[in-house]
Amino acid sequence: MRITVERPMRVVFMGTPEFAVPSLRALVEHAPPARLWANGLDIVGVITRPDKPAGRGRQTIASPVKRFATERGIPVYQPGPLRRPEALKQIRSLDPGVIVVAAFGQILPADVLDLPPHSCLNVHASLLPRWRGASPIAAAMLAGDTETGVTIMQMEEGLDTGPIIAQRSTPIGATETAGALTERLAEIGAQLLVETLPYWLAGGASSREQDEALATMTRPLKKDDGRLDWTRTASELARQIRAYSPWPGAFTTWKGARVRVLAAHALPGTGSGAPGTAQRSGDSLASLAVRCGQEALALDVIQLEGKRALPVADVLRGHPALATAVFGT
């Protein structure tokens, strides 16, 4: 299909975390004429969340998207809530032909959604309508899903409720963490975006409504979500540890101090003792399992409070009392 246009397609990109960077990078790399659009893409602005304090020193940190855009010389705007009149005025002044969104962190108001003639498109990290909302990757892993994927969707006022333009699935690895899966989905989403966008702009891509009967929701994660409840099954806890790596991180307590659990796996058999009771795993003196509501959880890598993360065998050598610990106390 030959596409004839009078000027480059003006694109505004909205995103914040590392997940969004591959999609922005893909747009930049495919911006020259005839790559995605006959006269090319003009990325006229990147809109990201305001800088915020982070870390122990509470230093103000720019978002990954802002850092990338600044390095590439793309104008960056941080208007805060998009419902403010001045934010809408700023976006309108950019005169976007299309707005591309990836993990921006705000619901776009109707005035923004109606602004670009080619709509607002979202790169969402799930196979919609399953796992709408803020934490789709963790939700898929917690539920024991064997696959997930990325959806390119046309945005509307609802939370991830808009029509689906394209999807691509991928299996979830048996030992894959949310951090590793996020990186993979970010790259899959970027590739799917640049494959889909030219057909959408040219009117050759159709969309389909989501099946509301199949919709499931997620919520933003909180720091305390990582607390391990030893009355749950070992399989559930193993998924929780993977789903919350690297954030908010899975943890338990021992003698009032926090113990992070970075890697673990479920073991057959229940062992003895109340949930949370530690014991040697099999005949090995260098392994540790914790009784759960069903079966036991073998701890592979842990981090005692104030210490660095180590394989459990190394921790046991320095803290043999862990072999009879009662976690959650």
C-alpha atoms as a PDB file:
ATOM      1  CA  MET A   1       0.000   0.000   0.000  1.00  0.00           C
ATOM      2  CA  ARG A   2       1.463   3.363  -0.986  1.00  0.00           C
ATOM      3  CA  ILE A   3       0.777   6.097   1.556  1.00  0.00           C
ATOM      4  CA  THR A   4       0.784   9.722   0.499  1.00  0.00           C
ATOM      5  CA  VAL A   5       0.850  12.451   3.136  1.00  0.00           C
ATOM      6  CA  GLU A   6       1.730  16.114   3.202  1.00  0.00           C
ATOM      7  CA  ARG A   7       3.851  16.141   6.359  1.00  0.00           C
ATOM      8  CA  PRO A   8       5.381  13.805   8.915  1.00  0.00           C
ATOM      9  CA  MET A   9       2.940  12.253  11.351  1.00  0.00           C
ATOM     10  CA  ARG A  10       3.118  14.223  14.592  1.00  0.00           C
ATOM     11  CA  VAL A  11       3.431  11.817  17.527  1.00  0.00           C
ATOM     12  CA  VAL A  12       3.149  12.539  21.252  1.00  0.00           C
ATOM     13  CA  PHE A  13       4.437   9.755  23.494  1.00  0.00           C
ATOM     14  CA  MET A  14       3.268   9.280  27.094  1.00  0.00           C
ATOM     15  CA  GLY A  15       5.131   6.947  29.442  1.00  0.00           C
ATOM     16  CA  THR A  16       7.102   6.792  32.655  1.00  0.00           C
ATOM     17  CA  PRO A  17       8.901   3.585  33.756  1.00  0.00           C
ATOM     18  CA  GLU A  18      11.503   1.392  32.097  1.00  0.00           C
ATOM     19  CA  PHE A  19       8.739  -0.681  30.460  1.00  0.00           C
ATOM     20  CA  ALA A  20       7.871   2.288  28.228  1.00  0.00           C
ATOM     21  CA  VAL A  21      11.399   2.978  26.970  1.00  0.00           C
ATOM     22  CA  PRO A  22      11.561   0.245  24.275  1.00  0.00           C
ATOM     23  CA  SER A  23       8.325   1.542  22.702  1.00  0.00           C
ATOM     24  CA  LEU A  24       9.678   5.094  22.597  1.00  0.00           C
ATOM     25  CA  ARG A  25      13.009   3.846  21.272  1.00  0.00           C
ATOM     26  CA  ALA A  26      11.234   1.896  18.536  1.00  0.00           C
ATOM     27  CA  LEU A  27       9.331   5.007  17.450  1.00  0.00           C
ATOM     28  CA  VAL A  28      12.560   7.017  17.350  1.00  0.00           C
ATOM     29  CA  GLU A  29      14.360   4.342  15.338  1.00  0.00           C
ATOM     30  CA  HIS A  30      11.483   4.056  12.871  1.00  0.00           C
ATOM     31  CA  ALA A  31      10.843   7.803  12.584  1.00  0.00           C
ATOM     32  CA  PRO A  32      12.729   8.430   9.281  1.00  0.00           C
ATOM     33  CA  PRO A  33      10.601   8.710   6.122  1.00  0.00           C
ATOM     34  CA  ALA A  34       9.279   5.461   4.653  1.00  0.00           C
ATOM     35  CA  ARG A  35      10.058   3.393   7.754  1.00  0.00           C
ATOM     36  CA  LEU A  36       6.550   3.463   9.228  1.00  0.00           C
ATOM     37  CA  TRP A  37       5.043   6.459   7.474  1.00  0.00           C
ATOM     38  CA  ALA A  38       5.861   7.843   4.006  1.00  0.00           C
ATOM     39  CA  ASN A  39       7.009  11.242   5.262  1.00  0.00           C
ATOM     40  CA  GLY A  40       8.221   9.885   8.580  1.00  0.00           C
ATOM     41  CA  LEU A  41       7.279  10.456  12.194  1.00  0.00           C
ATOM     42  CA  ASP A  42       7.822  13.711  14.038  1.00  0.00           C
ATOM     43  CA  ILE A  43       7.980  12.899  17.756  1.00  0.00           C
ATOM     44  CA  VAL A  44       6.974  16.354  18.891  1.00  0.00           C
ATOM     45  CA  GLY A  45       6.943  15.687  22.605  1.00  0.00           C
ATOM     46  CA  VAL A  46       7.222  13.168  25.406  1.00  0.00           C
ATOM     47  CA  ILE A  47       4.918  13.524  28.389  1.00  0.00           C
ATOM     48  CA  THR A  48       5.993  11.797  31.587  1.00  0.00           C
ATOM     49  CA  ARG A  49       5.290  11.963  35.297  1.00  0.00           C
ATOM     50  CA  PRO A  50       7.011  14.694  37.351  1.00  0.00           C
ATOM     51  CA  ASP A  51      10.408  13.918  38.874  1.00  0.00           C
ATOM     52  CA  LYS A  52      10.136  12.506  42.388  1.00  0.00           C
ATOM     53  CA  PRO A  53      12.412  11.742  45.339  1.00  0.00           C
ATOM     54  CA  ALA A  54      13.726   8.190  45.524  1.00  0.00           C
ATOM     55  CA  GLY A  55      16.230   6.111  47.464  1.00  0.00           C
ATOM     56  CA  ARG A  56      17.623   6.603  50.931  1.00  0.00           C
ATOM     57  CA  GLY A  57      18.941  10.066  50.110  1.00  0.00           C
ATOM     58  CA  ARG A  58      15.542  11.096  48.692  1.00  0.00           C
ATOM     59  CA  GLN A  59      17.251  12.664  45.701  1.00  0.00           C
ATOM     60  CA  THR A  60      14.983  13.836  42.904  1.00  0.00           C
ATOM     61  CA  ILE A  61      15.074  11.274  40.098  1.00  0.00           C
ATOM     62  CA  ALA A  62      13.846  11.663  36.524  1.00  0.00           C
ATOM     63  CA  SER A  63      11.806   8.839  35.028  1.00  0.00           C
ATOM     64  CA  PRO A  64      13.505   6.392  32.632  1.00  0.00           C
ATOM     65  CA  VAL A  65      11.395   7.822  29.797  1.00  0.00           C
ATOM     66  CA  LYS A  66      12.518  11.356  30.565  1.00  0.00           C
ATOM     67  CA  ARG A  67      16.149  10.320  30.658  1.00  0.00           C
ATOM     68  CA  PHE A  68      15.896   8.564  27.297  1.00  0.00           C
ATOM     69  CA  ALA A  69      13.999  11.425  25.654  1.00  0.00           C
ATOM     70  CA  THR A  70      16.472  13.995  26.961  1.00  0.00           C
ATOM     71  CA  GLU A  71      19.397  11.990  25.586  1.00  0.00           C
ATOM     72  CA  ARG A  72      17.713  11.941  22.168  1.00  0.00           C
ATOM     73  CA  GLY A  73      16.862  15.643  22.225  1.00  0.00           C
ATOM     74  CA  ILE A  74      13.099  15.132  22.310  1.00  0.00           C
ATOM     75  CA  PRO A  75      11.114  17.834  24.145  1.00  0.00           C
ATOM     76  CA  VAL A  76       9.882  16.577  27.524  1.00  0.00           C
ATOM     77  CA  TYR A  77       6.767  17.848  29.296  1.00  0.00           C
ATOM     78  CA  GLN A  78       5.726  17.057  32.864  1.00  0.00           C
ATOM     79  CA  PRO A  79       2.349  18.739  33.327  1.00  0.00           C
ATOM     80  CA  GLY A  80       1.164  16.631  36.256  1.00  0.00           C
ATOM     81  CA  PRO A  81      -2.549  15.691  36.290  1.00  0.00           C
ATOM     82  CA  LEU A  82      -3.871  15.819  32.727  1.00  0.00           C
ATOM     83  CA  ARG A  83      -7.276  17.051  33.877  1.00  0.00           C
ATOM     84  CA  ARG A  84      -5.786  20.455  34.622  1.00  0.00           C
ATOM     85  CA  PRO A  85      -6.670  23.018  31.909  1.00  0.00           C
ATOM     86  CA  GLU A  86      -3.032  24.027  31.499  1.00  0.00           C
ATOM     87  CA  ALA A  87      -2.068  20.395  30.823  1.00  0.00           C
ATOM     88  CA  LEU A  88      -4.667  20.069  28.080  1.00  0.00           C
ATOM     89  CA  LYS A  89      -3.550  23.372  26.601  1.00  0.00           C
ATOM     90  CA  GLN A  90       0.037  22.148  26.491  1.00  0.00           C
ATOM     91  CA  ILE A  91      -0.898  18.885  24.759  1.00  0.00           C
ATOM     92  CA  ARG A  92      -3.168  20.689  22.296  1.00  0.00           C
ATOM     93  CA  SER A  93      -0.294  23.012  21.376  1.00  0.00           C
ATOM     94  CA  LEU A  94       1.698  19.978  20.221  1.00  0.00           C
ATOM     95  CA  ASP A  95      -0.998  19.222  17.612  1.00  0.00           C
ATOM     96  CA  PRO A  96      -0.563  15.427  17.739  1.00  0.00           C
ATOM     97  CA  GLY A  97      -1.820  13.239  14.929  1.00  0.00           C
ATOM     98  CA  VAL A  98      -1.609  10.242  17.257  1.00  0.00           C
ATOM     99  CA  ILE A  99      -0.775   9.763  20.930  1.00  0.00           C
ATOM    100  CA  VAL A 100       1.064   6.578  21.954  1.00  0.00           C
ATOM    101  CA  VAL A 101       0.867   5.565  25.628  1.00  0.00           C
ATOM    102  CA  ALA A 102       2.891   2.942  27.515  1.00  0.00           C
ATOM    103  CA  ALA A 103       2.672   2.665  31.308  1.00  0.00           C
ATOM    104  CA  PHE A 104       2.052   6.372  31.764  1.00  0.00           C
ATOM    105  CA  GLY A 105       0.365   6.029  35.145  1.00  0.00           C
ATOM    106  CA  GLN A 106      -2.719   8.203  34.578  1.00  0.00           C
ATOM    107  CA  ILE A 107      -6.135   7.656  33.045  1.00  0.00           C
ATOM    108  CA  LEU A 108      -6.426  10.032  30.103  1.00  0.00           C
ATOM    109  CA  PRO A 109      -9.423  12.393  30.297  1.00  0.00           C
ATOM    110  CA  ALA A 110     -11.894  12.641  27.421  1.00  0.00           C
ATOM    111  CA  ASP A 111     -10.492  15.973  26.240  1.00  0.00           C
ATOM    112  CA  VAL A 112      -7.103  14.344  25.660  1.00  0.00           C
ATOM    113  CA  LEU A 113      -8.548  11.159  24.170  1.00  0.00           C
ATOM    114  CA  ASP A 114     -10.531  13.172  21.630  1.00  0.00           C
ATOM    115  CA  LEU A 115      -7.608  15.368  20.613  1.00  0.00           C
ATOM    116  CA  PRO A 116      -5.581  13.342  18.043  1.00  0.00           C
ATOM    117  CA  PRO A 117      -7.360  12.420  14.780  1.00  0.00           C
ATOM    118  CA  HIS A 118      -5.736   8.962  14.841  1.00  0.00           C
ATOM    119  CA  SER A 119      -6.688   8.315  18.474  1.00  0.00           C
ATOM    120  CA  CYS A 120      -4.655   7.414  21.531  1.00  0.00           C
ATOM    121  CA  LEU A 121      -3.079   3.962  21.403  1.00  0.00           C
ATOM    122  CA  ASN A 122      -1.930   2.072  24.492  1.00  0.00           C
ATOM    123  CA  VAL A 123       0.750  -0.620  24.835  1.00  0.00           C
ATOM    124  CA  HIS A 124      -0.642  -2.793  27.654  1.00  0.00           C
ATOM    125  CA  ALA A 125       1.223  -5.730  29.228  1.00  0.00           C
ATOM    126  CA  SER A 126      -1.491  -8.377  29.198  1.00  0.00           C
ATOM    127  CA  LEU A 127      -3.820 -10.212  26.849  1.00  0.00           C
ATOM    128  CA  LEU A 128      -6.852  -8.006  27.393  1.00  0.00           C
ATOM    129  CA  PRO A 129      -9.526  -8.233  28.658  1.00  0.00           C
ATOM    130  CA  ARG A 130      -7.609 -10.360  31.162  1.00  0.00           C
ATOM    131  CA  TRP A 131      -5.695  -8.271  33.704  1.00  0.00           C
ATOM    132  CA  ARG A 132      -6.725  -4.704  33.160  1.00  0.00           C
ATOM    133  CA  GLY A 133      -5.218  -2.094  35.446  1.00  0.00           C
ATOM    134  CA  ALA A 134      -1.921  -1.206  37.066  1.00  0.00           C
ATOM    135  CA  SER A 135      -0.189  -4.540  37.779  1.00  0.00           C
ATOM    136  CA  PRO A 136      -1.026  -7.002  34.980  1.00  0.00           C
ATOM    137  CA  ILE A 137       2.340  -8.793  34.971  1.00  0.00           C
ATOM    138  CA  ALA A 138       2.305  -9.591  38.687  1.00  0.00           C
ATOM    139  CA  ALA A 139      -1.370 -10.571  38.501  1.00  0.00           C
ATOM    140  CA  ALA A 140      -0.748 -13.089  35.711  1.00  0.00           C
ATOM    141  CA  MET A 141       2.070 -14.711  37.651  1.00  0.00           C
ATOM    142  CA  LEU A 142       0.146 -14.793  40.939  1.00  0.00           C
ATOM    143  CA  ALA A 143      -2.780 -16.489  39.217  1.00  0.00           C
ATOM    144  CA  GLY A 144      -0.526 -19.194  37.790  1.00  0.00           C
ATOM    145  CA  ASP A 145      -1.188 -18.203  34.167  1.00  0.00           C
ATOM    146  CA  THR A 146       1.034 -20.121  31.760  1.00  0.00           C
ATOM    147  CA  GLU A 147       1.027 -17.340  29.177  1.00  0.00           C
ATOM    148  CA  THR A 148       0.556 -13.610  28.929  1.00  0.00           C
ATOM    149  CA  GLY A 149       1.344 -11.033  26.276  1.00  0.00           C
ATOM    150  CA  VAL A 150       0.910  -7.498  25.019  1.00  0.00           C
ATOM    151  CA  THR A 151      -2.136  -5.706  23.645  1.00  0.00           C
ATOM    152  CA  ILE A 152      -2.181  -2.623  21.418  1.00  0.00           C
ATOM    153  CA  MET A 153      -5.526  -1.002  22.119  1.00  0.00           C
ATOM    154  CA  GLN A 154      -7.478   2.113  21.236  1.00  0.00           C
ATOM    155  CA  MET A 155      -7.950   4.065  24.436  1.00  0.00           C
ATOM    156  CA  GLU A 156     -11.249   5.253  25.890  1.00  0.00           C
ATOM    157  CA  GLU A 157     -12.287   6.688  29.251  1.00  0.00           C
ATOM    158  CA  GLY A 158     -12.534   3.298  30.985  1.00  0.00           C
ATOM    159  CA  LEU A 159      -9.512   1.612  32.529  1.00  0.00           C
ATOM    160  CA  ASP A 160      -8.045  -0.534  29.717  1.00  0.00           C
ATOM    161  CA  THR A 161     -11.515  -1.127  28.275  1.00  0.00           C
ATOM    162  CA  GLY A 162     -10.936   0.136  24.731  1.00  0.00           C
ATOM    163  CA  PRO A 163     -11.079  -1.863  21.485  1.00  0.00           C
ATOM    164  CA  ILE A 164      -8.215  -4.271  20.756  1.00  0.00           C
ATOM    165  CA  ILE A 165      -6.133  -3.576  17.654  1.00  0.00           C
ATOM    166  CA  ALA A 166      -3.406  -6.234  17.979  1.00  0.00           C
ATOM    167  CA  GLN A 167      -2.117  -8.804  20.455  1.00  0.00           C
ATOM    168  CA  ARG A 168       0.903 -11.038  20.833  1.00  0.00           C
ATOM    169  CA  SER A 169       1.259 -13.815  23.406  1.00  0.00           C
ATOM    170  CA  THR A 170       4.287 -15.355  25.108  1.00  0.00           C
ATOM    171  CA  PRO A 171       4.691 -18.189  27.634  1.00  0.00           C
ATOM    172  CA  ILE A 172       5.570 -17.386  31.231  1.00  0.00           C
ATOM    173  CA  GLY A 173       8.725 -19.238  32.247  1.00  0.00           C
ATOM    174  CA  ALA A 174       8.427 -21.626  35.183  1.00  0.00           C
ATOM    175  CA  THR A 175      11.137 -19.758  37.120  1.00  0.00           C
ATOM    176  CA  GLU A 176      10.785 -16.343  35.475  1.00  0.00           C
ATOM    177  CA  THR A 177      10.485 -13.312  37.728  1.00  0.00           C
ATOM    178  CA  ALA A 178       8.242 -10.334  37.096  1.00  0.00           C
ATOM    179  CA  GLY A 179      11.318  -8.230  36.424  1.00  0.00           C
ATOM    180  CA  ALA A 180      12.546 -10.544  33.682  1.00  0.00           C
ATOM    181  CA  LEU A 181       9.076 -10.910  32.194  1.00  0.00           C
ATOM    182  CA  THR A 182       8.582  -7.137  32.204  1.00  0.00           C
ATOM    183  CA  GLU A 183      11.739  -6.695  30.145  1.00  0.00           C
ATOM    184  CA  ARG A 184      10.571  -9.293  27.620  1.00  0.00           C
ATOM    185  CA  LEU A 185       7.076  -7.841  27.340  1.00  0.00           C
ATOM    186  CA  ALA A 186       8.479  -4.344  26.859  1.00  0.00           C
ATOM    187  CA  GLU A 187      10.423  -5.522  23.816  1.00  0.00           C
ATOM    188  CA  ILE A 188       7.483  -7.533  22.490  1.00  0.00           C
ATOM    189  CA  GLY A 189       5.240  -4.492  22.894  1.00  0.00           C
ATOM    190  CA  ALA A 190       7.696  -2.222  21.081  1.00  0.00           C
ATOM    191  CA  GLN A 191       7.906  -4.602  18.127  1.00  0.00           C
ATOM    192  CA  LEU A 192       4.145  -5.043  17.987  1.00  0.00           C
ATOM    193  CA  LEU A 193       3.672  -1.266  18.119  1.00  0.00           C
ATOM    194  CA  VAL A 194       5.855  -0.545  15.093  1.00  0.00           C
ATOM    195  CA  GLU A 195       4.239  -3.415  13.190  1.00  0.00           C
ATOM    196  CA  THR A 196       0.733  -2.191  13.954  1.00  0.00           C
ATOM    197  CA  LEU A 197       1.054   1.594  13.818  1.00  0.00           C
ATOM    198  CA  PRO A 198       1.460   2.114  10.032  1.00  0.00           C
ATOM    199  CA  TYR A 199      -1.620   0.044   9.259  1.00  0.00           C
ATOM    200  CA  TRP A 200      -3.614   1.861  11.916  1.00  0.00           C
ATOM    201  CA  LEU A 201      -2.613   5.278  10.607  1.00  0.00           C
ATOM    202  CA  ALA A 202      -3.440   4.257   7.047  1.00  0.00           C
ATOM    203  CA  GLY A 203      -6.860   2.937   8.049  1.00  0.00           C
ATOM    204  CA  GLY A 204      -5.970  -0.653   7.266  1.00  0.00           C
ATOM    205  CA  ALA A 205      -6.096  -2.031  10.815  1.00  0.00           C
ATOM    206  CA  SER A 206      -9.419  -2.938  12.380  1.00  0.00           C
ATOM    207  CA  SER A 207     -10.224  -3.194  16.061  1.00  0.00           C
ATOM    208  CA  ARG A 208     -12.560  -5.392  18.073  1.00  0.00           C
ATOM    209  CA  GLU A 209     -14.447  -4.742  21.265  1.00  0.00           C
ATOM    210  CA  GLN A 210     -13.359  -6.514  24.430  1.00  0.00           C
ATOM    211  CA  ASP A 211     -15.506  -9.285  25.875  1.00  0.00           C
ATOM    212  CA  GLU A 212     -16.599  -7.867  29.239  1.00  0.00           C
ATOM    213  CA  ALA A 213     -17.516 -11.346  30.481  1.00  0.00           C
ATOM    214  CA  LEU A 214     -13.821 -12.282  30.376  1.00  0.00           C
ATOM    215  CA  ALA A 215     -12.491  -9.121  32.030  1.00  0.00           C
ATOM    216  CA  THR A 216     -10.364  -9.332  35.173  1.00  0.00           C
ATOM    217  CA  MET A 217      -8.915  -6.405  37.117  1.00  0.00           C
ATOM    218  CA  THR A 218      -5.706  -5.653  38.961  1.00  0.00           C
ATOM    219  CA  ARG A 219      -4.810  -2.969  41.474  1.00  0.00           C
ATOM    220  CA  PRO A 220      -1.645  -1.003  42.228  1.00  0.00           C
ATOM    221  CA  LEU A 221       0.836  -2.942  44.327  1.00  0.00           C
ATOM    222  CA  LYS A 222       1.678  -1.862  47.864  1.00  0.00           C
ATOM    223  CA  LYS A 223       4.889  -2.508  49.768  1.00  0.00           C
ATOM    224  CA  ASP A 224       3.175  -4.780  52.293  1.00  0.00           C
ATOM    225  CA  ASP A 225       1.789  -7.011  49.516  1.00  0.00           C
ATOM    226  CA  GLY A 226       5.115  -8.838  49.609  1.00  0.00           C
ATOM    227  CA  ARG A 227       4.522 -10.255  53.111  1.00  0.00           C
ATOM    228  CA  LEU A 228       4.427 -14.056  52.965  1.00  0.00           C
ATOM    229  CA  ASP A 229       1.455 -15.780  54.596  1.00  0.00           C
ATOM    230  CA  TRP A 230       2.692 -19.232  55.545  1.00  0.00           C
ATOM    231  CA  THR A 231      -0.842 -20.625  55.803  1.00  0.00           C
ATOM    232  CA  ARG A 232      -1.070 -20.454  52.001  1.00  0.00           C
ATOM    233  CA  THR A 233       0.221 -23.236  49.768  1.00  0.00           C
ATOM    234  CA  ALA A 234       3.886 -23.474  48.893  1.00  0.00           C
ATOM    235  CA  SER A 235       3.038 -23.151  45.183  1.00  0.00           C
ATOM    236  CA  GLU A 236       1.177 -19.906  45.815  1.00  0.00           C
ATOM    237  CA  LEU A 237       4.066 -18.487  47.821  1.00  0.00           C
ATOM    238  CA  ALA A 238       6.605 -19.487  45.167  1.00  0.00           C
ATOM    239  CA  ARG A 239       4.540 -17.583  42.579  1.00  0.00           C
ATOM    240  CA  GLN A 240       4.267 -14.603  44.934  1.00  0.00           C
ATOM    241  CA  ILE A 241       8.039 -14.439  45.300  1.00  0.00           C
ATOM    242  CA  ARG A 242       8.500 -14.428  41.522  1.00  0.00           C
ATOM    243  CA  ALA A 243       5.620 -12.016  40.919  1.00  0.00           C
ATOM    244  CA  TYR A 244       6.945  -9.464  43.402  1.00  0.00           C
ATOM    245  CA  SER A 245      10.543  -9.545  42.229  1.00  0.00           C
ATOM    246  CA  PRO A 246      12.041  -6.962  42.143  1.00  0.00           C
ATOM    247  CA  TRP A 247       9.206  -4.886  43.708  1.00  0.00           C
ATOM    248  CA  PRO A 248       7.713  -4.820  46.271  1.00  0.00           C
ATOM    249  CA  GLY A 249       9.782  -7.890  47.119  1.00  0.00           C
ATOM    250  CA  ALA A 250       8.657 -10.931  49.115  1.00  0.00           C
ATOM    251  CA  PHE A 251       9.494 -11.017  52.806  1.00  0.00           C
ATOM    252  CA  THR A 252       8.785 -12.609  56.141  1.00  0.00           C
ATOM    253  CA  THR A 253       9.984 -11.875  59.680  1.00  0.00           C
ATOM    254  CA  TRP A 254      12.158 -13.703  62.174  1.00  0.00           C
ATOM    255  CA  LYS A 255      12.462 -12.487  65.756  1.00  0.00           C
ATOM    256  CA  GLY A 256      10.951  -9.182  64.670  1.00  0.00           C
ATOM    257  CA  ALA A 257      13.472  -8.557  61.860  1.00  0.00           C
ATOM    258  CA  ARG A 258      12.623  -8.610  58.179  1.00  0.00           C
ATOM    259  CA  VAL A 259      13.902 -11.459  56.006  1.00  0.00           C
ATOM    260  CA  ARG A 260      13.644 -10.988  52.259  1.00  0.00           C
ATOM    261  CA  VAL A 261      13.043 -14.103  50.164  1.00  0.00           C
ATOM    262  CA  LEU A 262      14.456 -13.626  46.684  1.00  0.00           C
ATOM    263  CA  ALA A 263      14.168 -17.151  45.302  1.00  0.00           C
ATOM    264  CA  ALA A 264      12.362 -20.293  46.437  1.00  0.00           C
ATOM    265  CA  HIS A 265      10.539 -23.331  45.112  1.00  0.00           C
ATOM    266  CA  ALA A 266       7.741 -25.603  46.299  1.00  0.00           C
ATOM    267  CA  LEU A 267       8.548 -29.055  47.680  1.00  0.00           C
ATOM    268  CA  PRO A 268       6.258 -32.086  47.775  1.00  0.00           C
ATOM    269  CA  GLY A 269       5.192 -33.290  51.183  1.00  0.00           C
ATOM    270  CA  THR A 270       4.092 -31.256  54.163  1.00  0.00           C
ATOM    271  CA  GLY A 271       6.778 -31.920  56.753  1.00  0.00           C
ATOM    272  CA  SER A 272       5.937 -31.293  60.381  1.00  0.00           C
ATOM    273  CA  GLY A 273       5.173 -28.277  62.517  1.00  0.00           C
ATOM    274  CA  ALA A 274       2.955 -25.264  62.195  1.00  0.00           C
ATOM    275  CA  PRO A 275       3.021 -23.062  59.098  1.00  0.00           C
ATOM    276  CA  GLY A 276       6.140 -20.896  59.158  1.00  0.00           C
ATOM    277  CA  THR A 277       8.270 -23.537  60.900  1.00  0.00           C
ATOM    278  CA  ALA A 278      11.681 -24.047  59.295  1.00  0.00           C
ATOM    279  CA  GLN A 279      13.418 -27.384  58.928  1.00  0.00           C
ATOM    280  CA  ARG A 280      16.268 -28.917  56.985  1.00  0.00           C
ATOM    281  CA  SER A 281      15.263 -29.960  53.485  1.00  0.00           C
ATOM    282  CA  GLY A 282      15.843 -33.697  53.170  1.00  0.00           C
ATOM    283  CA  ASP A 283      19.262 -34.853  54.345  1.00  0.00           C
ATOM    284  CA  SER A 284      21.080 -31.699  53.314  1.00  0.00           C
ATOM    285  CA  LEU A 285      22.547 -29.505  56.035  1.00  0.00           C
ATOM    286  CA  ALA A 286      22.823 -26.655  53.545  1.00  0.00           C
ATOM    287  CA  SER A 287      19.139 -26.377  52.640  1.00  0.00           C
ATOM    288  CA  LEU A 288      16.090 -25.004  54.378  1.00  0.00           C
ATOM    289  CA  ALA A 289      12.380 -25.530  53.924  1.00  0.00           C
ATOM    290  CA  VAL A 290       9.450 -23.803  55.582  1.00  0.00           C
ATOM    291  CA  ARG A 291       6.173 -25.502  56.406  1.00  0.00           C
ATOM    292  CA  CYS A 292       3.187 -23.972  54.538  1.00  0.00           C
ATOM    293  CA  GLY A 293      -0.541 -24.527  54.558  1.00  0.00           C
ATOM    294  CA  GLN A 294       0.143 -27.255  52.012  1.00  0.00           C
ATOM    295  CA  GLU A 295       3.570 -28.694  51.238  1.00  0.00           C
ATOM    296  CA  ALA A 296       6.745 -26.805  52.065  1.00  0.00           C
ATOM    297  CA  LEU A 297       8.704 -23.974  50.512  1.00  0.00           C
ATOM    298  CA  ALA A 298      12.420 -24.491  49.931  1.00  0.00           C
ATOM    299  CA  LEU A 299      14.279 -21.219  50.388  1.00  0.00           C
ATOM    300  CA  ASP A 300      17.023 -20.716  47.803  1.00  0.00           C
ATOM    301  CA  VAL A 301      18.188 -17.103  48.222  1.00  0.00           C
ATOM    302  CA  ILE A 302      17.386 -14.930  51.244  1.00  0.00           C
ATOM    303  CA  GLN A 303      18.532 -11.646  52.760  1.00  0.00           C
ATOM    304  CA  LEU A 304      18.603 -11.021  56.483  1.00  0.00           C
ATOM    305  CA  GLU A 305      17.911  -7.476  57.627  1.00  0.00           C
ATOM    306  CA  GLY A 306      21.016  -5.323  57.240  1.00  0.00           C
ATOM    307  CA  LYS A 307      22.842  -8.037  55.268  1.00  0.00           C
ATOM    308  CA  ARG A 308      23.312  -8.819  51.597  1.00  0.00           C
ATOM    309  CA  ALA A 309      21.365 -11.447  49.685  1.00  0.00           C
ATOM    310  CA  LEU A 310      23.013 -14.893  49.735  1.00  0.00           C
ATOM    311  CA  PRO A 311      22.213 -18.519  48.910  1.00  0.00           C
ATOM    312  CA  VAL A 312      20.552 -20.054  51.928  1.00  0.00           C
ATOM    313  CA  ALA A 313      23.482 -22.444  52.485  1.00  0.00           C
ATOM    314  CA  ASP A 314      25.774 -19.474  53.069  1.00  0.00           C
ATOM    315  CA  VAL A 315      23.316 -17.839  55.442  1.00  0.00           C
ATOM    316  CA  LEU A 316      22.924 -21.031  57.457  1.00  0.00           C
ATOM    317  CA  ARG A 317      26.672 -21.225  58.054  1.00  0.00           C
ATOM    318  CA  GLY A 318      26.596 -17.836  59.725  1.00  0.00           C
ATOM    319  CA  HIS A 319      23.177 -18.240  61.356  1.00  0.00           C
ATOM    320  CA  PRO A 320      22.589 -21.942  62.201  1.00  0.00           C
ATOM    321  CA  ALA A 321      19.580 -21.008  64.342  1.00  0.00           C
ATOM    322  CA  LEU A 322      17.664 -20.451  61.122  1.00  0.00           C
ATOM    323  CA  ALA A 323      17.369 -24.233  60.832  1.00  0.00           C
ATOM    324  CA  THR A 324      14.731 -24.194  63.580  1.00  0.00           C
ATOM    325  CA  ALA A 325      13.325 -20.718  63.016  1.00  0.00           C
ATOM    326  CA  VAL A 326       9.630 -19.901  63.141  1.00  0.00           C
ATOM    327  CA  PHE A 327       9.052 -17.308  60.443  1.00  0.00           C
ATOM    328  CA  GLY A 328       6.354 -14.710  60.655  1.00  0.00           C
ATOM    329  CA  THR A 329       7.266 -13.897  64.263  1.00  0.00           C
END
